[in-house]
Full PDB file with SEQRES, HELIX, SHEET, SSBOND, CRYST1, ORIGX, SCALE, CONECT and MASTER records, all heavy atoms in Angstrom:
SEQRES   1 A   30  LEU VAL PRO CYS VAL LEU THR LEU ASN GLN ASP GLY THR          
SEQRES   2 A   30  VAL TRP VAL THR ALA VAL LYS ALA VAL ARG ALA LEU THR          
SEQRES   3 A   30  LEU GLY GLN PHE                                              
SHEET    1 AA1 2 CYS A   4  LEU A   8  0                                        
SHEET    2 AA1 2 VAL A  14  ALA A  18 -1                                        
CRYST1    1.000    1.000    1.000  90.00  90.00  90.00 P 1           1          
ORIGX1      1.000000  0.000000  0.000000        0.00000                         
ORIGX2      0.000000  1.000000  0.000000        0.00000                         
ORIGX3      0.000000  0.000000  1.000000        0.00000                         
SCALE1      1.000000  0.000000  0.000000        0.00000                         
SCALE2      0.000000  1.000000  0.000000        0.00000                         
SCALE3      0.000000  0.000000  1.000000        0.00000                         
ATOM      1  N   LEU A   1     182.591 227.584  54.798  1.00  0.00           N  
ATOM      2  CA  LEU A   1     182.272 226.170  54.749  1.00  0.00           C  
ATOM      3  C   LEU A   1     181.232 225.906  53.666  1.00  0.00           C  
ATOM      4  O   LEU A   1     180.295 226.685  53.477  1.00  0.00           O  
ATOM      5  CB  LEU A   1     181.729 225.704  56.100  1.00  0.00           C  
ATOM      6  CG  LEU A   1     182.743 225.691  57.248  1.00  0.00           C  
ATOM      7  CD1 LEU A   1     182.055 225.300  58.542  1.00  0.00           C  
ATOM      8  CD2 LEU A   1     183.888 224.755  56.945  1.00  0.00           C  
ATOM      9  N   VAL A   2     181.405 224.799  52.954  1.00  0.00           N  
ATOM     10  CA  VAL A   2     180.537 224.457  51.828  1.00  0.00           C  
ATOM     11  C   VAL A   2     179.683 223.242  52.204  1.00  0.00           C  
ATOM     12  O   VAL A   2     180.234 222.182  52.541  1.00  0.00           O  
ATOM     13  CB  VAL A   2     181.372 224.117  50.572  1.00  0.00           C  
ATOM     14  CG1 VAL A   2     180.465 223.729  49.405  1.00  0.00           C  
ATOM     15  CG2 VAL A   2     182.270 225.291  50.192  1.00  0.00           C  
ATOM     16  N   PRO A   3     178.351 223.343  52.174  1.00  0.00           N  
ATOM     17  CA  PRO A   3     177.508 222.178  52.439  1.00  0.00           C  
ATOM     18  C   PRO A   3     177.768 221.078  51.407  1.00  0.00           C  
ATOM     19  O   PRO A   3     177.956 221.365  50.219  1.00  0.00           O  
ATOM     20  CB  PRO A   3     176.085 222.745  52.308  1.00  0.00           C  
ATOM     21  CG  PRO A   3     176.228 224.213  52.527  1.00  0.00           C  
ATOM     22  CD  PRO A   3     177.559 224.571  51.955  1.00  0.00           C  
ATOM     23  N   CYS A   4     177.787 219.837  51.867  1.00  0.00           N  
ATOM     24  CA  CYS A   4     178.081 218.734  50.951  1.00  0.00           C  
ATOM     25  C   CYS A   4     177.457 217.451  51.479  1.00  0.00           C  
ATOM     26  O   CYS A   4     176.932 217.394  52.586  1.00  0.00           O  
ATOM     27  CB  CYS A   4     179.590 218.557  50.797  1.00  0.00           C  
ATOM     28  SG  CYS A   4     180.430 218.000  52.301  1.00  0.00           S  
ATOM     29  N   VAL A   5     177.543 216.404  50.669  1.00  0.00           N  
ATOM     30  CA  VAL A   5     177.126 215.052  51.058  1.00  0.00           C  
ATOM     31  C   VAL A   5     178.327 214.133  50.874  1.00  0.00           C  
ATOM     32  O   VAL A   5     178.937 214.096  49.805  1.00  0.00           O  
ATOM     33  CB  VAL A   5     175.945 214.558  50.207  1.00  0.00           C  
ATOM     34  CG1 VAL A   5     175.617 213.109  50.561  1.00  0.00           C  
ATOM     35  CG2 VAL A   5     174.726 215.452  50.416  1.00  0.00           C  
ATOM     36  N   LEU A   6     178.684 213.398  51.938  1.00  0.00           N  
ATOM     37  CA  LEU A   6     179.757 212.421  51.863  1.00  0.00           C  
ATOM     38  C   LEU A   6     179.171 211.056  51.540  1.00  0.00           C  
ATOM     39  O   LEU A   6     178.136 210.666  52.083  1.00  0.00           O  
ATOM     40  CB  LEU A   6     180.510 212.326  53.191  1.00  0.00           C  
ATOM     41  CG  LEU A   6     181.216 213.574  53.720  1.00  0.00           C  
ATOM     42  CD1 LEU A   6     182.015 213.221  54.963  1.00  0.00           C  
ATOM     43  CD2 LEU A   6     182.105 214.194  52.662  1.00  0.00           C  
ATOM     44  N   THR A   7     179.826 210.324  50.648  1.00  0.00           N  
ATOM     45  CA  THR A   7     179.474 208.940  50.353  1.00  0.00           C  
ATOM     46  C   THR A   7     180.676 208.076  50.698  1.00  0.00           C  
ATOM     47  O   THR A   7     181.754 208.244  50.123  1.00  0.00           O  
ATOM     48  CB  THR A   7     179.104 208.757  48.878  1.00  0.00           C  
ATOM     49  OG1 THR A   7     178.019 209.628  48.543  1.00  0.00           O  
ATOM     50  CG2 THR A   7     178.682 207.313  48.604  1.00  0.00           C  
ATOM     51  N   LEU A   8     180.501 207.172  51.664  1.00  0.00           N  
ATOM     52  CA  LEU A   8     181.610 206.354  52.157  1.00  0.00           C  
ATOM     53  C   LEU A   8     181.812 205.133  51.286  1.00  0.00           C  
ATOM     54  O   LEU A   8     180.877 204.377  51.016  1.00  0.00           O  
ATOM     55  CB  LEU A   8     181.324 205.925  53.604  1.00  0.00           C  
ATOM     56  CG  LEU A   8     182.398 205.091  54.294  1.00  0.00           C  
ATOM     57  CD1 LEU A   8     183.687 205.888  54.452  1.00  0.00           C  
ATOM     58  CD2 LEU A   8     181.897 204.614  55.657  1.00  0.00           C  
ATOM     59  N   ASN A   9     183.051 204.916  50.851  1.00  0.00           N  
ATOM     60  CA  ASN A   9     183.409 203.747  50.068  1.00  0.00           C  
ATOM     61  C   ASN A   9     183.978 202.657  50.985  1.00  0.00           C  
ATOM     62  O   ASN A   9     184.397 202.929  52.115  1.00  0.00           O  
ATOM     63  CB  ASN A   9     184.434 204.117  48.994  1.00  0.00           C  
ATOM     64  CG  ASN A   9     183.898 205.188  48.053  1.00  0.00           C  
ATOM     65  OD1 ASN A   9     182.794 205.082  47.543  1.00  0.00           O  
ATOM     66  ND2 ASN A   9     184.681 206.239  47.856  1.00  0.00           N  
ATOM     67  N   GLN A  10     184.004 201.437  50.501  1.00  0.00           N  
ATOM     68  CA  GLN A  10     184.463 200.310  51.317  1.00  0.00           C  
ATOM     69  C   GLN A  10     185.913 200.443  51.743  1.00  0.00           C  
ATOM     70  O   GLN A  10     186.316 199.924  52.787  1.00  0.00           O  
ATOM     71  CB  GLN A  10     184.262 198.997  50.560  1.00  0.00           C  
ATOM     72  CG  GLN A  10     182.806 198.596  50.391  1.00  0.00           C  
ATOM     73  CD  GLN A  10     182.658 197.241  49.731  1.00  0.00           C  
ATOM     74  OE1 GLN A  10     183.611 196.697  49.186  1.00  0.00           O  
ATOM     75  NE2 GLN A  10     181.452 196.692  49.788  1.00  0.00           N  
ATOM     76  N   ASP A  11     186.722 201.133  50.944  1.00  0.00           N  
ATOM     77  CA  ASP A  11     188.146 201.266  51.258  1.00  0.00           C  
ATOM     78  C   ASP A  11     188.451 202.452  52.168  1.00  0.00           C  
ATOM     79  O   ASP A  11     189.618 202.770  52.412  1.00  0.00           O  
ATOM     80  CB  ASP A  11     188.969 201.375  49.976  1.00  0.00           C  
ATOM     81  CG  ASP A  11     188.552 202.563  49.113  1.00  0.00           C  
ATOM     82  OD1 ASP A  11     187.614 203.290  49.506  1.00  0.00           O  
ATOM     83  OD2 ASP A  11     189.167 202.760  48.040  1.00  0.00           O  
ATOM     84  N   GLY A  12     187.408 203.121  52.678  1.00  0.00           N  
ATOM     85  CA  GLY A  12     187.609 204.244  53.585  1.00  0.00           C  
ATOM     86  C   GLY A  12     187.735 205.586  52.903  1.00  0.00           C  
ATOM     87  O   GLY A  12     187.811 206.616  53.567  1.00  0.00           O  
ATOM     88  N   THR A  13     187.764 205.592  51.572  1.00  0.00           N  
ATOM     89  CA  THR A  13     187.760 206.854  50.839  1.00  0.00           C  
ATOM     90  C   THR A  13     186.339 207.394  50.796  1.00  0.00           C  
ATOM     91  O   THR A  13     185.382 206.677  51.116  1.00  0.00           O  
ATOM     92  CB  THR A  13     188.280 206.661  49.406  1.00  0.00           C  
ATOM     93  OG1 THR A  13     187.358 205.808  48.672  1.00  0.00           O  
ATOM     94  CG2 THR A  13     189.649 205.998  49.419  1.00  0.00           C  
ATOM     95  N   VAL A  14     186.175 208.656  50.422  1.00  0.00           N  
ATOM     96  CA  VAL A  14     184.832 209.226  50.308  1.00  0.00           C  
ATOM     97  C   VAL A  14     184.693 210.009  49.015  1.00  0.00           C  
ATOM     98  O   VAL A  14     185.660 210.595  48.510  1.00  0.00           O  
ATOM     99  CB  VAL A  14     184.483 210.152  51.496  1.00  0.00           C  
ATOM    100  CG1 VAL A  14     184.459 209.398  52.802  1.00  0.00           C  
ATOM    101  CG2 VAL A  14     185.431 211.341  51.569  1.00  0.00           C  
ATOM    102  N   TRP A  15     183.494 209.965  48.473  1.00  0.00           N  
ATOM    103  CA  TRP A  15     183.089 210.911  47.442  1.00  0.00           C  
ATOM    104  C   TRP A  15     182.454 212.105  48.136  1.00  0.00           C  
ATOM    105  O   TRP A  15     181.672 211.937  49.075  1.00  0.00           O  
ATOM    106  CB  TRP A  15     182.080 210.294  46.478  1.00  0.00           C  
ATOM    107  CG  TRP A  15     182.676 209.348  45.481  1.00  0.00           C  
ATOM    108  CD1 TRP A  15     182.647 207.993  45.515  1.00  0.00           C  
ATOM    109  CD2 TRP A  15     183.390 209.712  44.289  1.00  0.00           C  
ATOM    110  NE1 TRP A  15     183.306 207.471  44.433  1.00  0.00           N  
ATOM    111  CE2 TRP A  15     183.760 208.508  43.660  1.00  0.00           C  
ATOM    112  CE3 TRP A  15     183.746 210.924  43.712  1.00  0.00           C  
ATOM    113  CZ2 TRP A  15     184.484 208.483  42.463  1.00  0.00           C  
ATOM    114  CZ3 TRP A  15     184.452 210.905  42.528  1.00  0.00           C  
ATOM    115  CH2 TRP A  15     184.815 209.699  41.911  1.00  0.00           C  
ATOM    116  N   VAL A  16     182.789 213.293  47.698  1.00  0.00           N  
ATOM    117  CA  VAL A  16     182.238 214.518  48.260  1.00  0.00           C  
ATOM    118  C   VAL A  16     181.446 215.220  47.158  1.00  0.00           C  
ATOM    119  O   VAL A  16     182.015 215.589  46.121  1.00  0.00           O  
ATOM    120  CB  VAL A  16     183.342 215.455  48.781  1.00  0.00           C  
ATOM    121  CG1 VAL A  16     182.731 216.705  49.415  1.00  0.00           C  
ATOM    122  CG2 VAL A  16     184.247 214.725  49.764  1.00  0.00           C  
ATOM    123  N   THR A  17     180.156 215.383  47.380  1.00  0.00           N  
ATOM    124  CA  THR A  17     179.299 216.085  46.426  1.00  0.00           C  
ATOM    125  C   THR A  17     178.874 217.403  47.048  1.00  0.00           C  
ATOM    126  O   THR A  17     178.123 217.423  48.031  1.00  0.00           O  
ATOM    127  CB  THR A  17     178.055 215.254  46.069  1.00  0.00           C  
ATOM    128  OG1 THR A  17     178.460 213.970  45.598  1.00  0.00           O  
ATOM    129  CG2 THR A  17     177.233 215.957  44.993  1.00  0.00           C  
ATOM    130  N   ALA A  18     179.370 218.500  46.507  1.00  0.00           N  
ATOM    131  CA  ALA A  18     179.039 219.821  47.032  1.00  0.00           C  
ATOM    132  C   ALA A  18     177.637 220.220  46.591  1.00  0.00           C  
ATOM    133  O   ALA A  18     177.201 219.886  45.479  1.00  0.00           O  
ATOM    134  CB  ALA A  18     180.056 220.852  46.546  1.00  0.00           C  
ATOM    135  N   VAL A  19     176.928 220.923  47.473  1.00  0.00           N  
ATOM    136  CA  VAL A  19     175.581 221.380  47.142  1.00  0.00           C  
ATOM    137  C   VAL A  19     175.615 222.327  45.952  1.00  0.00           C  
ATOM    138  O   VAL A  19     174.721 222.320  45.101  1.00  0.00           O  
ATOM    139  CB  VAL A  19     174.933 222.059  48.367  1.00  0.00           C  
ATOM    140  CG1 VAL A  19     173.619 222.735  47.988  1.00  0.00           C  
ATOM    141  CG2 VAL A  19     174.698 221.032  49.466  1.00  0.00           C  
ATOM    142  N   LYS A  20     176.672 223.136  45.866  1.00  0.00           N  
ATOM    143  CA  LYS A  20     176.861 223.981  44.695  1.00  0.00           C  
ATOM    144  C   LYS A  20     178.325 223.887  44.278  1.00  0.00           C  
ATOM    145  O   LYS A  20     179.213 223.616  45.087  1.00  0.00           O  
ATOM    146  CB  LYS A  20     176.486 225.436  44.992  1.00  0.00           C  
ATOM    147  CG  LYS A  20     177.335 226.093  46.058  1.00  0.00           C  
ATOM    148  CD  LYS A  20     176.936 227.550  46.241  1.00  0.00           C  
ATOM    149  CE  LYS A  20     177.818 228.236  47.292  1.00  0.00           C  
ATOM    150  NZ  LYS A  20     177.451 229.667  47.470  1.00  0.00           N  
ATOM    151  N   ALA A  21     178.584 224.089  42.996  1.00  0.00           N  
ATOM    152  CA  ALA A  21     179.943 223.971  42.475  1.00  0.00           C  
ATOM    153  C   ALA A  21     180.864 224.994  43.140  1.00  0.00           C  
ATOM    154  O   ALA A  21     180.450 226.126  43.419  1.00  0.00           O  
ATOM    155  CB  ALA A  21     179.942 224.168  40.960  1.00  0.00           C  
ATOM    156  N   VAL A  22     182.086 224.588  43.406  1.00  0.00           N  
ATOM    157  CA  VAL A  22     183.062 225.452  44.059  1.00  0.00           C  
ATOM    158  C   VAL A  22     184.237 225.695  43.130  1.00  0.00           C  
ATOM    159  O   VAL A  22     184.514 224.912  42.222  1.00  0.00           O  
ATOM    160  CB  VAL A  22     183.548 224.853  45.392  1.00  0.00           C  
ATOM    161  CG1 VAL A  22     182.430 224.856  46.413  1.00  0.00           C  
ATOM    162  CG2 VAL A  22     184.073 223.436  45.195  1.00  0.00           C  
ATOM    163  N   ARG A  23     184.967 226.784  43.400  1.00  0.00           N  
ATOM    164  CA  ARG A  23     186.003 227.242  42.478  1.00  0.00           C  
ATOM    165  C   ARG A  23     187.372 226.651  42.799  1.00  0.00           C  
ATOM    166  O   ARG A  23     187.786 226.580  43.937  1.00  0.00           O  
ATOM    167  CB  ARG A  23     186.096 228.778  42.522  1.00  0.00           C  
ATOM    168  CG  ARG A  23     187.072 229.379  41.534  1.00  0.00           C  
ATOM    169  CD  ARG A  23     187.114 230.901  41.654  1.00  0.00           C  
ATOM    170  NE  ARG A  23     187.971 231.488  40.638  1.00  0.00           N  
ATOM    171  CZ  ARG A  23     189.289 231.639  40.765  1.00  0.00           C  
ATOM    172  NH1 ARG A  23     189.897 231.227  41.877  1.00  0.00           N  
ATOM    173  NH2 ARG A  23     190.002 232.180  39.802  1.00  0.00           N  
ATOM    174  N   ALA A  24     188.046 226.221  41.760  1.00  0.00           N  
ATOM    175  CA  ALA A  24     189.472 225.859  41.806  1.00  0.00           C  
ATOM    176  C   ALA A  24     189.803 224.716  42.755  1.00  0.00           C  
ATOM    177  O   ALA A  24     190.789 224.764  43.468  1.00  0.00           O  
ATOM    178  CB  ALA A  24     190.314 227.090  42.131  1.00  0.00           C  
ATOM    179  N   LEU A  25     188.977 223.681  42.764  1.00  0.00           N  
ATOM    180  CA  LEU A  25     189.370 222.449  43.436  1.00  0.00           C  
ATOM    181  C   LEU A  25     190.632 221.918  42.766  1.00  0.00           C  
ATOM    182  O   LEU A  25     190.739 221.938  41.541  1.00  0.00           O  
ATOM    183  CB  LEU A  25     188.260 221.406  43.327  1.00  0.00           C  
ATOM    184  CG  LEU A  25     187.095 221.493  44.308  1.00  0.00           C  
ATOM    185  CD1 LEU A  25     186.003 220.520  43.901  1.00  0.00           C  
ATOM    186  CD2 LEU A  25     187.546 221.222  45.729  1.00  0.00           C  
ATOM    187  N   THR A  26     191.569 221.415  43.558  1.00  0.00           N  
ATOM    188  CA  THR A  26     192.858 221.007  43.009  1.00  0.00           C  
ATOM    189  C   THR A  26     193.294 219.675  43.588  1.00  0.00           C  
ATOM    190  O   THR A  26     193.196 219.453  44.797  1.00  0.00           O  
ATOM    191  CB  THR A  26     193.935 222.067  43.322  1.00  0.00           C  
ATOM    192  OG1 THR A  26     193.504 223.339  42.808  1.00  0.00           O  
ATOM    193  CG2 THR A  26     195.267 221.705  42.677  1.00  0.00           C  
ATOM    194  N   LEU A  27     193.779 218.795  42.736  1.00  0.00           N  
ATOM    195  CA  LEU A  27     194.334 217.529  43.195  1.00  0.00           C  
ATOM    196  C   LEU A  27     195.478 217.800  44.166  1.00  0.00           C  
ATOM    197  O   LEU A  27     196.319 218.652  43.932  1.00  0.00           O  
ATOM    198  CB  LEU A  27     194.839 216.710  42.011  1.00  0.00           C  
ATOM    199  CG  LEU A  27     193.794 216.254  40.987  1.00  0.00           C  
ATOM    200  CD1 LEU A  27     194.472 215.576  39.811  1.00  0.00           C  
ATOM    201  CD2 LEU A  27     192.781 215.324  41.630  1.00  0.00           C  
ATOM    202  N   GLY A  28     195.499 217.059  45.264  1.00  0.00           N  
ATOM    203  CA  GLY A  28     196.555 217.231  46.253  1.00  0.00           C  
ATOM    204  C   GLY A  28     196.173 218.118  47.413  1.00  0.00           C  
ATOM    205  O   GLY A  28     196.827 218.089  48.463  1.00  0.00           O  
ATOM    206  N   GLN A  29     195.120 218.919  47.258  1.00  0.00           N  
ATOM    207  CA  GLN A  29     194.628 219.682  48.394  1.00  0.00           C  
ATOM    208  C   GLN A  29     193.954 218.743  49.385  1.00  0.00           C  
ATOM    209  O   GLN A  29     193.624 217.602  49.069  1.00  0.00           O  
ATOM    210  CB  GLN A  29     193.614 220.745  47.932  1.00  0.00           C  
ATOM    211  CG  GLN A  29     194.228 221.897  47.158  1.00  0.00           C  
ATOM    212  CD  GLN A  29     193.168 222.865  46.663  1.00  0.00           C  
ATOM    213  OE1 GLN A  29     192.100 222.462  46.225  1.00  0.00           O  
ATOM    214  NE2 GLN A  29     193.474 224.159  46.702  1.00  0.00           N  
ATOM    215  N   PHE A  30     193.734 219.235  50.608  1.00  0.00           N  
ATOM    216  CA  PHE A  30     193.057 218.439  51.615  1.00  0.00           C  
ATOM    217  C   PHE A  30     191.653 218.982  51.836  1.00  0.00           C  
ATOM    218  O   PHE A  30     191.476 220.166  52.114  1.00  0.00           O  
ATOM    219  CB  PHE A  30     193.840 218.452  52.929  1.00  0.00           C  
ATOM    220  CG  PHE A  30     195.064 217.589  52.891  1.00  0.00           C  
ATOM    221  CD1 PHE A  30     196.256 218.080  52.382  1.00  0.00           C  
ATOM    222  CD2 PHE A  30     195.014 216.280  53.341  1.00  0.00           C  
ATOM    223  CE1 PHE A  30     197.389 217.284  52.322  1.00  0.00           C  
ATOM    224  CE2 PHE A  30     196.142 215.479  53.280  1.00  0.00           C  
ATOM    225  CZ  PHE A  30     197.333 215.978  52.774  1.00  0.00           C  
TER     226      PHE A  30                                                      
MASTER        0    0    0    0    2    0    0    6  225    1    0    3          
END                                                                             
C-alpha cells in the first residue's frame, strides 16, 4: 500500500498524490 492524499473534485473524481513516486502507473488501471 502506498500512502497518498486524495483531493475530491466536484464531479466525484479524485486527484491522488502519492507520498513518493510509484512505478509504472498506467491509464486504465484501477
